[in-house]
Amino acid sequence: MSKNPVLGMPVWAYYINIDDQSNILAPQLLKGLYGQHYDVEKTTFDKFRFIESEGQLTGTFGDTPGIVKLYYRQANWAEMESVDMYLLLKENTTIYDGIEGLKTSSSLPEGMTIRAFKRVATTDGEFWYEISPDQWVLYKDMEITNNPYENIELSATGEQLIFEPVGEVKAEIDYIPGKKIQAYNKPYGKITNELEDGTEIVVVARSTDNGVTWYKIQGNEFINGSYVKLK
């Protein structure tokens, strides 16, 4: 009597954008008989190019499940890196919603210094900087500069400014629908969180520094008052 065919453990194939770790394609499940050969296809995508893979692209179905990760990058991106740098704008600067994306309704004035967190070099020699989630500027009519706040001595908690307690005031983030602002560990400090437009918060203290209002919120974080609507 012949034995019934036995299935081997499956193999999952993931097609991943290497820069943001998102799935380009829904994970693919490969199944087959025990000992049967499998091949994971290096799928071609119009707007992406293959970079590298992890796991066995070829093999046989066996006793343990397999995972293969195939990494891709936007076809017109040469590289992306995280940065922490400042840019001095020499002209009014347009904000885009992505690399070579659509212009937003916002722009930045000449003479302003902005902080950048990511840099993308494109294959045609352009440099793009992310200054906030989904907000990018093209490196044009600007220059890299020093941190304008580096000579400001900040205490460990960021309370070198005098913060006036205001009780517990309910408020919400008033920004661009679907977009986020940053919260910091202290004014002009390190990013600790991102808060989406409409997020409800509780303000516990307020301070003003050279015309800029800062709010301390529950959770010991600090946000720019320009994006806060008190209730």
Protein backbone atom coordinates (compact mmCIF):
# COMPACT_ATOMS: atom_id res chain seq x y z
CA MET A 1 0.00 0.00 0.00
CA SER A 2 1.40 3.39 -0.98
CA LYS A 3 1.76 6.10 1.64
CA ASN A 4 -0.25 9.30 1.40
CA PRO A 5 1.82 12.28 0.25
CA VAL A 6 3.11 14.39 3.14
CA LEU A 7 3.26 18.16 2.93
CA GLY A 8 6.46 19.84 3.99
CA MET A 9 6.48 22.97 6.14
CA PRO A 10 5.68 26.11 4.10
CA VAL A 11 8.03 28.91 3.08
CA TRP A 12 7.04 32.56 3.40
CA ALA A 13 8.48 35.12 0.98
CA TYR A 14 8.42 38.81 1.94
CA TYR A 15 9.03 41.64 -0.54
CA ILE A 16 10.15 44.62 1.52
CA ASN A 17 11.03 48.27 0.95
CA ILE A 18 14.46 48.36 2.60
CA ASP A 19 14.14 52.02 3.61
CA ASP A 20 10.83 52.00 5.49
CA GLN A 21 10.35 48.23 5.99
CA SER A 22 6.91 48.29 4.35
CA ASN A 23 5.65 45.40 2.24
CA ILE A 24 5.75 46.10 -1.49
CA LEU A 25 3.70 42.97 -2.14
CA ALA A 26 1.54 40.87 0.17
CA PRO A 27 3.64 38.06 1.72
CA GLN A 28 3.68 35.01 -0.52
CA LEU A 29 3.13 31.50 0.88
CA LEU A 30 4.88 28.63 -0.90
CA LYS A 31 3.65 25.10 -0.17
CA GLY A 32 4.74 21.70 -1.45
CA LEU A 33 5.30 18.05 -0.68
CA TYR A 34 8.00 16.99 1.74
CA GLY A 35 11.30 16.99 -0.13
CA GLN A 36 9.90 18.88 -3.12
CA HIS A 37 12.06 21.67 -4.56
CA TYR A 38 11.03 25.33 -4.30
CA ASP A 39 12.27 28.58 -5.86
CA VAL A 40 11.50 32.05 -4.49
CA GLU A 41 11.11 34.44 -7.40
CA LYS A 42 12.92 37.77 -7.43
CA THR A 43 9.84 39.63 -8.57
CA THR A 44 10.40 42.72 -10.72
CA PHE A 45 8.59 45.92 -9.75
CA ASP A 46 8.27 48.97 -12.00
CA LYS A 47 9.30 51.53 -9.38
CA PHE A 48 11.74 49.43 -7.34
CA ARG A 49 15.08 47.71 -7.86
CA PHE A 50 16.31 44.62 -6.06
CA ILE A 51 18.97 45.16 -3.36
CA GLU A 52 19.54 41.96 -1.39
CA SER A 53 17.88 38.94 0.16
CA GLU A 54 17.92 37.03 3.45
CA GLY A 55 17.16 33.33 3.64
CA GLN A 56 17.35 30.54 1.08
CA LEU A 57 15.91 31.48 -2.30
CA THR A 58 16.01 27.82 -3.35
CA GLY A 59 15.66 24.64 -1.32
CA THR A 60 13.30 21.82 -0.44
CA PHE A 61 10.24 21.73 1.77
CA GLY A 62 11.18 20.05 5.03
CA ASP A 63 10.49 19.81 8.74
CA THR A 64 10.76 23.51 9.58
CA PRO A 65 9.04 26.54 8.04
CA GLY A 66 11.17 28.90 5.99
CA ILE A 67 11.29 32.68 5.74
CA VAL A 68 12.86 34.55 2.84
CA LYS A 69 13.09 38.35 2.78
CA LEU A 70 13.77 40.18 -0.48
CA TYR A 71 14.70 43.84 -0.11
CA TYR A 72 14.08 46.53 -2.71
CA ARG A 73 14.70 50.27 -2.98
CA GLN A 74 12.91 52.96 -4.95
CA ALA A 75 14.35 52.76 -8.46
CA ASN A 76 15.45 56.40 -8.48
CA TRP A 77 17.00 56.33 -4.99
CA ALA A 78 20.74 55.79 -4.76
CA GLU A 79 20.82 55.72 -0.95
CA MET A 80 18.99 56.83 2.18
CA GLU A 81 20.48 57.60 5.57
CA SER A 82 19.35 58.98 8.90
CA VAL A 83 20.92 62.34 9.73
CA ASP A 84 20.72 65.01 12.41
CA MET A 85 21.70 68.24 10.75
CA TYR A 86 20.62 71.82 10.12
CA LEU A 87 19.97 73.65 6.86
CA LEU A 88 20.04 77.43 6.38
CA LEU A 89 17.57 78.50 3.70
CA LYS A 90 18.82 81.15 1.25
CA GLU A 91 15.50 81.41 -0.60
CA ASN A 92 11.86 80.68 0.14
CA THR A 93 11.65 76.89 0.07
CA THR A 94 8.82 74.63 -1.06
CA ILE A 95 7.81 71.63 1.06
CA TYR A 96 6.95 68.41 -0.78
CA ASP A 97 4.99 65.41 0.46
CA GLY A 98 7.70 62.99 -0.69
CA ILE A 99 10.80 62.54 -2.82
CA GLU A 100 10.00 64.18 -6.17
CA GLY A 101 6.46 64.35 -4.79
CA LEU A 102 3.66 66.88 -4.81
CA LYS A 103 4.08 70.41 -3.53
CA THR A 104 2.26 71.04 -0.26
CA SER A 105 0.51 74.27 0.59
CA SER A 106 3.32 75.12 3.00
CA SER A 107 6.65 76.82 2.36
CA LEU A 108 9.55 78.02 4.49
CA PRO A 109 10.93 81.58 4.47
CA GLU A 110 14.39 82.70 3.43
CA GLY A 111 16.80 82.93 6.36
CA MET A 112 15.15 80.16 8.39
CA THR A 113 17.24 77.32 9.83
CA ILE A 114 15.56 73.92 9.74
CA ARG A 115 16.47 70.55 11.19
CA ALA A 116 16.67 67.46 8.95
CA PHE A 117 16.33 63.83 10.02
CA LYS A 118 16.73 61.82 6.80
CA ARG A 119 18.61 62.36 3.54
CA VAL A 120 17.95 60.64 0.23
CA ALA A 121 20.32 60.82 -2.73
CA THR A 122 18.61 60.14 -6.05
CA THR A 123 20.19 58.51 -9.07
CA ASP A 124 20.10 61.82 -10.94
CA GLY A 125 22.25 63.56 -8.32
CA GLU A 126 19.62 65.34 -6.23
CA PHE A 127 19.53 65.39 -2.42
CA TRP A 128 16.27 65.44 -0.49
CA TYR A 129 15.91 66.06 3.25
CA GLU A 130 13.04 65.00 5.50
CA ILE A 131 12.25 67.76 7.98
CA SER A 132 9.09 66.24 9.44
CA PRO A 133 6.97 63.14 8.73
CA ASP A 134 5.89 63.31 5.06
CA GLN A 135 7.59 66.69 4.60
CA TRP A 136 10.64 66.92 2.34
CA VAL A 137 12.74 69.73 0.87
CA LEU A 138 15.05 69.61 -2.14
CA TYR A 139 18.63 70.69 -1.41
CA LYS A 140 18.63 73.86 -3.48
CA ASP A 141 19.37 77.45 -2.45
CA MET A 142 20.35 76.32 1.05
CA GLU A 143 23.48 75.28 2.92
CA ILE A 144 24.41 72.98 5.78
CA THR A 145 24.97 74.97 8.95
CA ASN A 146 25.68 74.49 12.65
CA ASN A 147 23.02 73.84 15.24
CA PRO A 148 21.77 77.35 16.12
CA TYR A 149 20.92 76.14 19.62
CA GLU A 150 24.26 74.46 20.40
CA ASN A 151 25.38 77.30 22.66
CA ILE A 152 22.16 77.28 24.66
CA GLU A 153 22.79 75.39 27.89
CA LEU A 154 19.81 73.16 28.56
CA SER A 155 19.13 71.37 31.80
CA ALA A 156 18.57 67.63 31.81
CA THR A 157 14.79 68.09 31.87
CA GLY A 158 14.65 70.95 29.41
CA GLU A 159 13.30 73.36 32.03
CA GLN A 160 15.99 76.00 31.69
CA LEU A 161 13.06 78.10 30.54
CA ILE A 162 10.69 79.19 33.27
CA PHE A 163 7.52 77.16 32.82
CA GLU A 164 4.36 78.50 34.41
CA PRO A 165 2.01 75.78 35.69
CA VAL A 166 -1.45 75.99 34.13
CA GLY A 167 -3.14 73.10 35.90
CA GLU A 168 -4.38 70.39 33.57
CA VAL A 169 -5.71 72.04 30.43
CA LYS A 170 -7.27 69.84 27.77
CA ALA A 171 -6.07 70.55 24.24
CA GLU A 172 -5.54 68.89 20.89
CA ILE A 173 -2.95 68.89 18.13
CA ASP A 174 -4.05 71.34 15.43
CA TYR A 175 -1.90 70.59 12.40
CA ILE A 176 -2.55 69.10 8.94
CA PRO A 177 -5.11 66.25 8.74
CA GLY A 178 -3.31 62.93 8.69
CA LYS A 179 0.08 64.49 9.51
CA LYS A 180 2.13 64.46 12.71
CA ILE A 181 4.19 66.88 14.78
CA GLN A 182 7.12 66.01 17.01
CA ALA A 183 7.29 66.04 20.79
CA TYR A 184 10.66 66.58 22.50
CA ASN A 185 12.37 65.67 25.76
CA LYS A 186 12.99 69.41 26.26
CA PRO A 187 12.62 72.57 24.17
CA TYR A 188 14.93 72.30 21.15
CA GLY A 189 15.85 68.82 22.35
CA LYS A 190 15.59 65.27 21.07
CA ILE A 191 12.45 63.85 19.50
CA THR A 192 10.62 61.48 21.84
CA ASN A 193 7.27 61.05 20.12
CA GLU A 194 5.10 61.96 17.13
CA LEU A 195 1.54 63.20 17.63
CA GLU A 196 -1.02 63.10 14.85
CA ASP A 197 -3.35 65.99 14.04
CA GLY A 198 -6.38 65.79 16.32
CA THR A 199 -4.60 63.92 19.12
CA GLU A 200 -5.98 64.94 22.51
CA ILE A 201 -3.37 66.09 25.03
CA VAL A 202 -3.23 67.66 28.47
CA VAL A 203 -1.11 70.80 28.90
CA VAL A 204 0.41 71.24 32.35
CA ALA A 205 2.80 74.20 31.86
CA ARG A 206 3.63 76.98 29.42
CA SER A 207 6.70 79.07 28.54
CA THR A 208 7.69 81.57 25.85
CA ASP A 209 11.17 81.83 24.34
CA ASN A 210 11.88 84.63 21.84
CA GLY A 211 8.28 84.64 20.72
CA VAL A 212 8.02 80.84 20.51
CA THR A 213 5.48 79.26 22.85
CA TRP A 214 6.31 75.86 24.32
CA TYR A 215 3.87 73.63 26.14
CA LYS A 216 4.79 70.92 28.60
CA ILE A 217 2.26 68.10 28.35
CA GLN A 218 1.48 65.06 30.46
CA GLY A 219 4.18 62.46 29.97
CA ASN A 220 6.93 65.05 30.52
CA GLU A 221 7.17 65.97 26.83
CA PHE A 222 7.41 69.38 25.18
CA ILE A 223 5.72 70.59 21.99
CA ASN A 224 5.68 73.78 19.95
CA GLY A 225 2.60 75.80 20.82
CA SER A 226 1.98 76.73 17.18
CA TYR A 227 0.33 73.35 16.69
CA VAL A 228 -1.83 73.28 19.82
CA LYS A 229 -5.49 74.26 20.19
CA LEU A 230 -6.62 74.73 23.77
CA LYS A 231 -10.15 73.62 24.60
